[in-house]
Each structure stands twice: as structure tokens, then as C-alpha cells.
N, C-alpha and C. Protein backbone atom coordinates (compact mmCIF):
# COMPACT_ATOMS: atom_id res chain seq x y z
N UNK A 1 0.82 -1.19 0.00
CA UNK A 1 0.00 0.00 0.00
C UNK A 1 0.86 1.26 0.00
N UNK A 2 2.10 1.14 0.45
CA UNK A 2 2.99 2.28 0.49
C UNK A 2 3.28 2.80 -0.92
N UNK A 3 3.44 1.88 -1.89
CA UNK A 3 3.69 2.28 -3.28
C UNK A 3 2.53 3.02 -3.88
N UNK A 4 1.31 2.64 -3.52
CA UNK A 4 0.13 3.31 -4.03
C UNK A 4 0.05 4.74 -3.52
N UNK A 5 0.32 4.93 -2.25
CA UNK A 5 0.32 6.29 -1.70
C UNK A 5 1.41 7.15 -2.30
N UNK A 6 2.58 6.55 -2.55
CA UNK A 6 3.67 7.29 -3.17
C UNK A 6 3.31 7.68 -4.60
N UNK A 7 2.55 6.84 -5.28
CA UNK A 7 2.12 7.15 -6.65
C UNK A 7 1.21 8.37 -6.67
N UNK A 8 0.29 8.44 -5.71
CA UNK A 8 -0.61 9.58 -5.67
C UNK A 8 0.09 10.85 -5.18
N UNK A 9 1.13 10.72 -4.39
CA UNK A 9 1.85 11.87 -3.87
C UNK A 9 2.90 12.39 -4.85
N UNK A 10 3.28 11.60 -5.85
CA UNK A 10 4.36 11.97 -6.75
C UNK A 10 4.18 13.33 -7.43
N UNK A 11 3.03 13.64 -8.02
CA UNK A 11 2.91 14.93 -8.71
C UNK A 11 3.07 16.14 -7.80
N UNK A 12 2.81 15.98 -6.52
CA UNK A 12 2.82 17.10 -5.59
C UNK A 12 4.18 17.34 -4.94
N UNK A 13 5.19 16.58 -5.33
CA UNK A 13 6.51 16.72 -4.71
C UNK A 13 7.25 17.98 -5.15
N UNK A 14 6.93 18.49 -6.31
CA UNK A 14 7.60 19.68 -6.82
C UNK A 14 6.77 20.91 -6.48
N UNK A 15 7.46 22.03 -6.25
CA UNK A 15 6.75 23.26 -5.90
C UNK A 15 5.92 23.80 -7.07
N UNK A 16 6.32 23.48 -8.31
CA UNK A 16 5.63 23.98 -9.49
C UNK A 16 4.60 23.00 -10.02
N UNK A 17 4.10 22.12 -9.19
CA UNK A 17 3.18 21.08 -9.64
C UNK A 17 1.90 21.65 -10.22
N UNK A 18 1.38 22.72 -9.64
CA UNK A 18 0.12 23.28 -10.11
C UNK A 18 0.27 23.83 -11.52
N UNK A 19 1.31 24.59 -11.77
CA UNK A 19 1.54 25.17 -13.09
C UNK A 19 1.71 24.06 -14.13
N UNK A 20 2.48 23.03 -13.81
CA UNK A 20 2.73 21.95 -14.76
C UNK A 20 1.46 21.14 -15.02
N UNK A 21 0.65 20.96 -14.01
CA UNK A 21 -0.61 20.26 -14.19
C UNK A 21 -1.58 21.10 -15.02
N UNK A 22 -1.59 22.40 -14.80
CA UNK A 22 -2.48 23.28 -15.56
C UNK A 22 -2.09 23.35 -17.03
N UNK A 23 -0.79 23.29 -17.32
CA UNK A 23 -0.35 23.26 -18.72
C UNK A 23 -0.89 22.00 -19.40
N UNK A 24 -0.76 20.85 -18.75
CA UNK A 24 -1.30 19.61 -19.30
C UNK A 24 -2.81 19.66 -19.47
N UNK A 25 -3.50 20.23 -18.50
CA UNK A 25 -4.96 20.34 -18.59
C UNK A 25 -5.36 21.28 -19.73
N UNK A 26 -4.61 22.37 -19.91
CA UNK A 26 -4.90 23.30 -21.01
C UNK A 26 -4.68 22.62 -22.36
N UNK A 27 -3.63 21.81 -22.47
CA UNK A 27 -3.39 21.09 -23.72
C UNK A 27 -4.51 20.09 -23.99
N UNK A 28 -5.03 19.47 -22.96
CA UNK A 28 -6.13 18.52 -23.14
C UNK A 28 -7.43 19.24 -23.50
N UNK A 29 -7.65 20.43 -22.95
CA UNK A 29 -8.91 21.15 -23.17
C UNK A 29 -8.92 21.99 -24.44
N UNK A 30 -7.76 22.30 -25.00
CA UNK A 30 -7.68 23.18 -26.17
C UNK A 30 -8.51 22.68 -27.35
N UNK A 31 -8.43 21.41 -27.76
CA UNK A 31 -9.26 20.98 -28.88
C UNK A 31 -10.76 21.07 -28.59
N UNK A 32 -11.14 20.81 -27.35
CA UNK A 32 -12.56 20.90 -27.00
C UNK A 32 -13.03 22.36 -27.08
N UNK A 33 -12.21 23.27 -26.59
CA UNK A 33 -12.57 24.68 -26.65
C UNK A 33 -12.60 25.19 -28.09
N UNK A 34 -11.71 24.67 -28.92
CA UNK A 34 -11.71 25.07 -30.33
C UNK A 34 -12.94 24.52 -31.06
N UNK A 35 -13.41 23.34 -30.67
CA UNK A 35 -14.57 22.73 -31.33
C UNK A 35 -15.89 23.25 -30.79
N UNK A 36 -15.86 23.96 -29.70
CA UNK A 36 -17.08 24.43 -29.06
C UNK A 36 -17.97 25.27 -29.98
N UNK A 37 -17.44 26.25 -30.76
CA UNK A 37 -18.33 26.99 -31.66
C UNK A 37 -19.03 26.10 -32.68
N UNK A 38 -18.32 25.12 -33.21
CA UNK A 38 -18.92 24.20 -34.17
C UNK A 38 -20.01 23.36 -33.51
N UNK A 39 -19.72 22.84 -32.33
CA UNK A 39 -20.72 22.04 -31.62
C UNK A 39 -21.94 22.85 -31.23
N UNK A 40 -21.73 24.07 -30.78
CA UNK A 40 -22.86 24.92 -30.40
C UNK A 40 -23.72 25.27 -31.60
N UNK A 41 -23.09 25.49 -32.75
CA UNK A 41 -23.86 25.82 -33.93
C UNK A 41 -24.69 24.62 -34.38
N UNK A 42 -24.13 23.44 -34.32
CA UNK A 42 -24.87 22.24 -34.69
C UNK A 42 -26.02 22.00 -33.72
N UNK A 43 -25.77 22.18 -32.43
CA UNK A 43 -26.83 21.97 -31.44
C UNK A 43 -27.88 23.06 -31.48
N UNK A 44 -27.49 24.27 -31.83
CA UNK A 44 -28.41 25.40 -31.83
C UNK A 44 -29.36 25.35 -33.03
N UNK A 45 -28.85 24.93 -34.18
CA UNK A 45 -29.67 24.91 -35.40
C UNK A 45 -29.63 23.53 -36.04
N UNK A 46 -30.30 22.56 -35.47
CA UNK A 46 -30.24 21.21 -36.06
C UNK A 46 -30.94 21.09 -37.40
N UNK A 47 -31.95 21.93 -37.66
CA UNK A 47 -32.68 21.83 -38.93
C UNK A 47 -32.01 22.62 -40.04
N UNK A 48 -31.35 23.70 -39.70
CA UNK A 48 -30.69 24.54 -40.68
C UNK A 48 -29.18 24.44 -40.46
N UNK A 49 -28.62 23.38 -40.92
CA UNK A 49 -27.20 23.16 -40.69
C UNK A 49 -26.38 24.11 -41.57
N UNK A 50 -25.77 25.07 -40.93
CA UNK A 50 -24.86 26.00 -41.60
C UNK A 50 -23.44 25.65 -41.21
N UNK A 51 -23.19 24.38 -41.11
CA UNK A 51 -21.88 23.91 -40.70
C UNK A 51 -20.88 24.04 -41.85
N UNK A 52 -21.38 24.15 -43.06
CA UNK A 52 -20.51 24.23 -44.23
C UNK A 52 -19.54 25.40 -44.11
N UNK A 53 -19.97 26.48 -43.50
CA UNK A 53 -19.08 27.64 -43.33
C UNK A 53 -17.94 27.33 -42.36
N UNK A 54 -18.14 26.37 -41.46
CA UNK A 54 -17.11 26.02 -40.49
C UNK A 54 -16.25 24.83 -40.91
N UNK A 55 -16.56 24.20 -42.04
CA UNK A 55 -15.80 23.04 -42.47
C UNK A 55 -14.32 23.32 -42.74
N UNK A 56 -13.94 24.48 -43.27
CA UNK A 56 -12.49 24.73 -43.42
C UNK A 56 -11.74 24.77 -42.09
N UNK A 57 -12.46 25.00 -41.01
CA UNK A 57 -11.87 25.05 -39.68
C UNK A 57 -11.58 23.64 -39.15
N UNK A 58 -12.26 22.63 -39.68
CA UNK A 58 -12.14 21.27 -39.19
C UNK A 58 -10.74 20.67 -39.31
N UNK A 59 -10.03 20.81 -40.44
CA UNK A 59 -8.67 20.26 -40.49
C UNK A 59 -7.73 20.89 -39.46
N UNK A 60 -7.88 22.18 -39.22
CA UNK A 60 -7.06 22.84 -38.21
C UNK A 60 -7.36 22.25 -36.84
N UNK A 61 -8.62 22.02 -36.57
CA UNK A 61 -9.03 21.43 -35.30
C UNK A 61 -8.44 20.03 -35.13
N UNK A 62 -8.46 19.24 -36.18
CA UNK A 62 -7.92 17.88 -36.12
C UNK A 62 -6.42 17.92 -35.89
N UNK A 63 -5.71 18.80 -36.58
CA UNK A 63 -4.26 18.90 -36.41
C UNK A 63 -3.91 19.35 -35.00
N UNK A 64 -4.62 20.34 -34.48
CA UNK A 64 -4.36 20.81 -33.11
C UNK A 64 -4.69 19.72 -32.10
N UNK A 65 -5.78 19.00 -32.31
CA UNK A 65 -6.16 17.93 -31.38
C UNK A 65 -5.11 16.82 -31.37
N UNK A 66 -4.63 16.42 -32.55
CA UNK A 66 -3.60 15.39 -32.61
C UNK A 66 -2.29 15.87 -32.01
N UNK A 67 -1.91 17.10 -32.30
CA UNK A 67 -0.65 17.64 -31.77
C UNK A 67 -0.69 17.71 -30.25
N UNK A 68 -1.79 18.17 -29.70
CA UNK A 68 -1.87 18.24 -28.23
C UNK A 68 -1.88 16.85 -27.63
N UNK A 69 -2.54 15.90 -28.30
CA UNK A 69 -2.56 14.51 -27.80
C UNK A 69 -1.14 13.95 -27.80
N UNK A 70 -0.38 14.20 -28.90
CA UNK A 70 0.98 13.70 -28.98
C UNK A 70 1.88 14.36 -27.93
N UNK A 71 1.69 15.65 -27.69
CA UNK A 71 2.48 16.34 -26.67
C UNK A 71 2.25 15.74 -25.29
N UNK A 72 1.00 15.53 -24.95
CA UNK A 72 0.69 14.98 -23.63
C UNK A 72 1.20 13.55 -23.51
N UNK A 73 1.04 12.74 -24.56
CA UNK A 73 1.55 11.38 -24.52
C UNK A 73 3.07 11.36 -24.35
N UNK A 74 3.77 12.23 -25.09
CA UNK A 74 5.22 12.31 -24.96
C UNK A 74 5.65 12.74 -23.58
N UNK A 75 4.92 13.69 -23.02
CA UNK A 75 5.23 14.14 -21.65
C UNK A 75 5.02 13.01 -20.65
N UNK A 76 3.94 12.26 -20.83
CA UNK A 76 3.68 11.13 -19.92
C UNK A 76 4.75 10.06 -20.06
N UNK A 77 5.22 9.81 -21.28
CA UNK A 77 6.30 8.84 -21.48
C UNK A 77 7.56 9.32 -20.79
N UNK A 78 7.89 10.60 -20.96
CA UNK A 78 9.09 11.15 -20.32
C UNK A 78 8.97 11.09 -18.80
N UNK A 79 7.80 11.37 -18.28
CA UNK A 79 7.58 11.30 -16.83
C UNK A 79 7.71 9.86 -16.33
N UNK A 80 7.12 8.92 -17.06
CA UNK A 80 7.21 7.52 -16.65
C UNK A 80 8.64 7.01 -16.70
N UNK A 81 9.36 7.35 -17.77
CA UNK A 81 10.76 6.91 -17.87
C UNK A 81 11.61 7.51 -16.76
N UNK A 82 11.42 8.78 -16.49
CA UNK A 82 12.18 9.42 -15.42
C UNK A 82 11.86 8.86 -14.06
N UNK A 83 10.62 8.51 -13.85
CA UNK A 83 10.22 7.91 -12.58
C UNK A 83 10.83 6.52 -12.42
N UNK A 84 10.77 5.73 -13.49
CA UNK A 84 11.35 4.39 -13.43
C UNK A 84 12.87 4.42 -13.29
N UNK A 85 13.51 5.40 -13.92
CA UNK A 85 14.97 5.54 -13.80
C UNK A 85 15.39 6.08 -12.44
N UNK A 86 14.47 6.74 -11.77
CA UNK A 86 14.78 7.35 -10.49
C UNK A 86 15.39 8.73 -10.63
N UNK A 87 15.30 9.33 -11.84
CA UNK A 87 15.89 10.65 -12.06
C UNK A 87 14.91 11.79 -11.77
N UNK A 88 13.64 11.48 -11.62
CA UNK A 88 12.64 12.51 -11.34
C UNK A 88 12.14 12.39 -9.90
N UNK A 89 11.98 13.54 -9.28
CA UNK A 89 11.38 13.57 -7.96
C UNK A 89 10.01 14.21 -7.97
N UNK A 90 9.63 14.81 -9.09
CA UNK A 90 8.33 15.44 -9.27
C UNK A 90 8.04 15.54 -10.75
N UNK A 91 7.00 16.26 -11.10
CA UNK A 91 6.66 16.43 -12.50
C UNK A 91 7.75 17.22 -13.22
N UNK A 92 8.16 16.78 -14.41
CA UNK A 92 9.19 17.53 -15.14
C UNK A 92 8.59 18.79 -15.76
N UNK A 93 9.42 19.76 -16.08
CA UNK A 93 8.89 20.96 -16.73
C UNK A 93 8.51 20.66 -18.18
N UNK A 94 7.69 21.53 -18.75
CA UNK A 94 7.26 21.39 -20.14
C UNK A 94 8.28 22.09 -21.04
N UNK A 95 9.52 21.69 -20.98
CA UNK A 95 10.57 22.37 -21.73
C UNK A 95 11.08 21.60 -22.93
N UNK A 96 10.54 20.43 -23.21
CA UNK A 96 10.98 19.61 -24.34
C UNK A 96 9.79 19.27 -25.23
N UNK A 97 9.08 20.29 -25.67
CA UNK A 97 7.84 20.04 -26.41
C UNK A 97 8.09 19.36 -27.75
N UNK A 98 9.15 19.70 -28.43
CA UNK A 98 9.45 19.04 -29.69
C UNK A 98 9.75 17.56 -29.50
N UNK A 99 10.56 17.27 -28.52
CA UNK A 99 10.89 15.88 -28.22
C UNK A 99 9.65 15.12 -27.73
N UNK A 100 8.83 15.78 -26.92
CA UNK A 100 7.60 15.14 -26.44
C UNK A 100 6.63 14.88 -27.60
N UNK A 101 6.56 15.80 -28.56
CA UNK A 101 5.68 15.63 -29.71
C UNK A 101 6.08 14.40 -30.52
N UNK A 102 7.37 14.26 -30.79
CA UNK A 102 7.86 13.11 -31.57
C UNK A 102 7.67 11.82 -30.78
N UNK A 103 7.99 11.84 -29.50
CA UNK A 103 7.82 10.66 -28.66
C UNK A 103 6.35 10.25 -28.57
N UNK A 104 5.48 11.22 -28.43
CA UNK A 104 4.04 10.93 -28.38
C UNK A 104 3.53 10.38 -29.70
N UNK A 105 4.02 10.91 -30.81
CA UNK A 105 3.64 10.38 -32.12
C UNK A 105 4.09 8.94 -32.27
N UNK A 106 5.30 8.63 -31.83
CA UNK A 106 5.80 7.26 -31.93
C UNK A 106 4.96 6.32 -31.06
N UNK A 107 4.63 6.73 -29.85
CA UNK A 107 3.79 5.90 -28.98
C UNK A 107 2.41 5.69 -29.60
N UNK A 108 1.86 6.71 -30.19
CA UNK A 108 0.54 6.62 -30.82
C UNK A 108 0.58 5.66 -32.01
N UNK A 109 1.63 5.76 -32.83
CA UNK A 109 1.76 4.86 -33.98
C UNK A 109 1.93 3.42 -33.54
N UNK A 110 2.71 3.20 -32.50
CA UNK A 110 2.89 1.84 -31.98
C UNK A 110 1.55 1.30 -31.46
N UNK A 111 0.80 2.13 -30.76
CA UNK A 111 -0.49 1.66 -30.23
C UNK A 111 -1.46 1.35 -31.37
N UNK A 112 -1.44 2.14 -32.44
CA UNK A 112 -2.29 1.86 -33.60
C UNK A 112 -1.85 0.56 -34.26
N UNK A 113 -0.54 0.37 -34.41
CA UNK A 113 -0.03 -0.85 -35.03
C UNK A 113 -0.38 -2.09 -34.22
N UNK A 114 -0.42 -1.96 -32.91
CA UNK A 114 -0.80 -3.09 -32.07
C UNK A 114 -2.31 -3.31 -32.03
N UNK A 115 -3.05 -2.26 -32.29
CA UNK A 115 -4.50 -2.31 -32.22
C UNK A 115 -5.13 -2.85 -33.50
N UNK A 116 -4.54 -2.55 -34.66
CA UNK A 116 -5.12 -2.94 -35.94
C UNK A 116 -5.27 -4.45 -36.13
N UNK A 117 -4.28 -5.27 -35.78
CA UNK A 117 -4.50 -6.72 -35.93
C UNK A 117 -5.66 -7.24 -35.10
N UNK A 118 -5.84 -6.71 -33.91
CA UNK A 118 -6.97 -7.14 -33.08
C UNK A 118 -8.29 -6.76 -33.72
N UNK A 119 -8.35 -5.59 -34.33
CA UNK A 119 -9.58 -5.17 -35.01
C UNK A 119 -9.83 -6.04 -36.23
N UNK A 120 -8.77 -6.36 -36.98
CA UNK A 120 -8.93 -7.21 -38.16
C UNK A 120 -9.40 -8.60 -37.78
N UNK A 121 -8.83 -9.19 -36.74
CA UNK A 121 -9.26 -10.53 -36.30
C UNK A 121 -10.70 -10.49 -35.82
N UNK A 122 -11.06 -9.47 -35.06
CA UNK A 122 -12.44 -9.34 -34.56
C UNK A 122 -13.42 -9.19 -35.72
N UNK A 123 -13.07 -8.38 -36.71
CA UNK A 123 -13.95 -8.20 -37.86
C UNK A 123 -14.08 -9.49 -38.65
N UNK A 124 -12.99 -10.21 -38.84
CA UNK A 124 -13.05 -11.47 -39.58
C UNK A 124 -13.90 -12.50 -38.86
N UNK A 125 -13.72 -12.63 -37.55
CA UNK A 125 -14.51 -13.59 -36.79
C UNK A 125 -15.99 -13.19 -36.79
N UNK A 126 -16.26 -11.92 -36.69
CA UNK A 126 -17.65 -11.45 -36.73
C UNK A 126 -18.29 -11.75 -38.07
N UNK A 127 -17.58 -11.45 -39.16
CA UNK A 127 -18.14 -11.73 -40.49
C UNK A 127 -18.35 -13.22 -40.70
N UNK A 128 -17.40 -14.05 -40.27
CA UNK A 128 -17.56 -15.49 -40.41
C UNK A 128 -18.73 -16.00 -39.58
N UNK A 129 -18.90 -15.50 -38.39
CA UNK A 129 -20.01 -15.91 -37.54
C UNK A 129 -21.34 -15.50 -38.13
N UNK A 130 -21.43 -14.29 -38.61
CA UNK A 130 -22.67 -13.81 -39.22
C UNK A 130 -22.97 -14.60 -40.48
N UNK A 131 -21.95 -14.85 -41.32
CA UNK A 131 -22.17 -15.59 -42.55
C UNK A 131 -22.58 -17.03 -42.27
N UNK A 132 -22.03 -17.63 -41.22
CA UNK A 132 -22.36 -19.02 -40.89
C UNK A 132 -23.73 -19.14 -40.23
N UNK A 133 -24.18 -18.11 -39.56
CA UNK A 133 -25.44 -18.21 -38.83
C UNK A 133 -26.64 -17.75 -39.64
N UNK A 134 -26.43 -17.06 -40.72
CA UNK A 134 -27.55 -16.55 -41.50
C UNK A 134 -27.32 -16.89 -42.98
N UNK A 135 -28.16 -17.73 -43.56
CA UNK A 135 -27.95 -18.11 -44.95
C UNK A 135 -28.05 -16.94 -45.92
N UNK A 136 -28.83 -15.92 -45.57
CA UNK A 136 -28.97 -14.79 -46.48
C UNK A 136 -27.73 -13.91 -46.51
N UNK A 137 -26.83 -14.08 -45.52
CA UNK A 137 -25.60 -13.28 -45.48
C UNK A 137 -24.36 -14.07 -45.86
N UNK A 138 -24.54 -15.18 -46.54
CA UNK A 138 -23.39 -16.00 -46.95
C UNK A 138 -22.50 -15.24 -47.91
N UNK A 139 -23.04 -14.30 -48.68
CA UNK A 139 -22.24 -13.54 -49.64
C UNK A 139 -21.13 -12.76 -48.96
N UNK A 140 -21.23 -12.50 -47.64
CA UNK A 140 -20.17 -11.80 -46.93
C UNK A 140 -18.93 -12.64 -46.90
């Protein structure tokens, strides 16, 4: 139980923990705040969708959302590695954003590469099961 308590106390060991946590929270909230006008317009006018005017904004939103996700993933990887190495005593500063971005992208690509075979096997088993159980779906 001592390790569990130390895990929860780890972020608070540094005096700048609040600032570093708020930077991470801001990076997580930025895509949501950027998408808020689009979401409000869709919810406000469901019958008269004037979303076409906001469609050029969508690629920017996707790029910002992915970049912030990669930054946070890279930061978490750096924090985990530093904790396991014993070189960190608290949250590290957000001073290696380029390195965190690349590291987060690599972690994301690895997770996608590990996830795709599971999806392919699940889809194949599902299609085979459906085709075997229903004669009208044998063409699948």
C-alpha cells in the first residue's frame, strides 16, 4: 500500500506542480474549446445546418487535437521513464515540447499498429459468424 500512496503523492513533490498540471490540462482542453463553436452551432440549429461555413476550420481542429494529444503522450512517457529511472522527484517541466511531440507520435503509432490486428481478427470472426449463422448473409 505504500507504493500506491507514493504514486498519488508523486505529482505534488515539486513546488511547481500546479503550473505543470495546468499546462497539461490546457493542452487537453484546447481541442474541446476550439470545437465548441462548431458544436454549439450544430446543437443550436439542427434543422438549418450551416456547418458548411465552419468546415475549413475542421482540419485545423484535427491537427491541433492530434498535436496536443501527442504532446501529452510524450510528456507522460518522459515522466514515466524518469520515474522508473529514479531521475525525477516530481513532474518535469514542459521544456521539451518538440521531443515530447515526436515521442508521443511514436507511442501513438505503436499503439495503432498493435490495435489494428486485433480489429482485423475481430472483424473477420464477426463476419464469419454472421455468414455461418444466417444463410442470407453467406455472400459476406
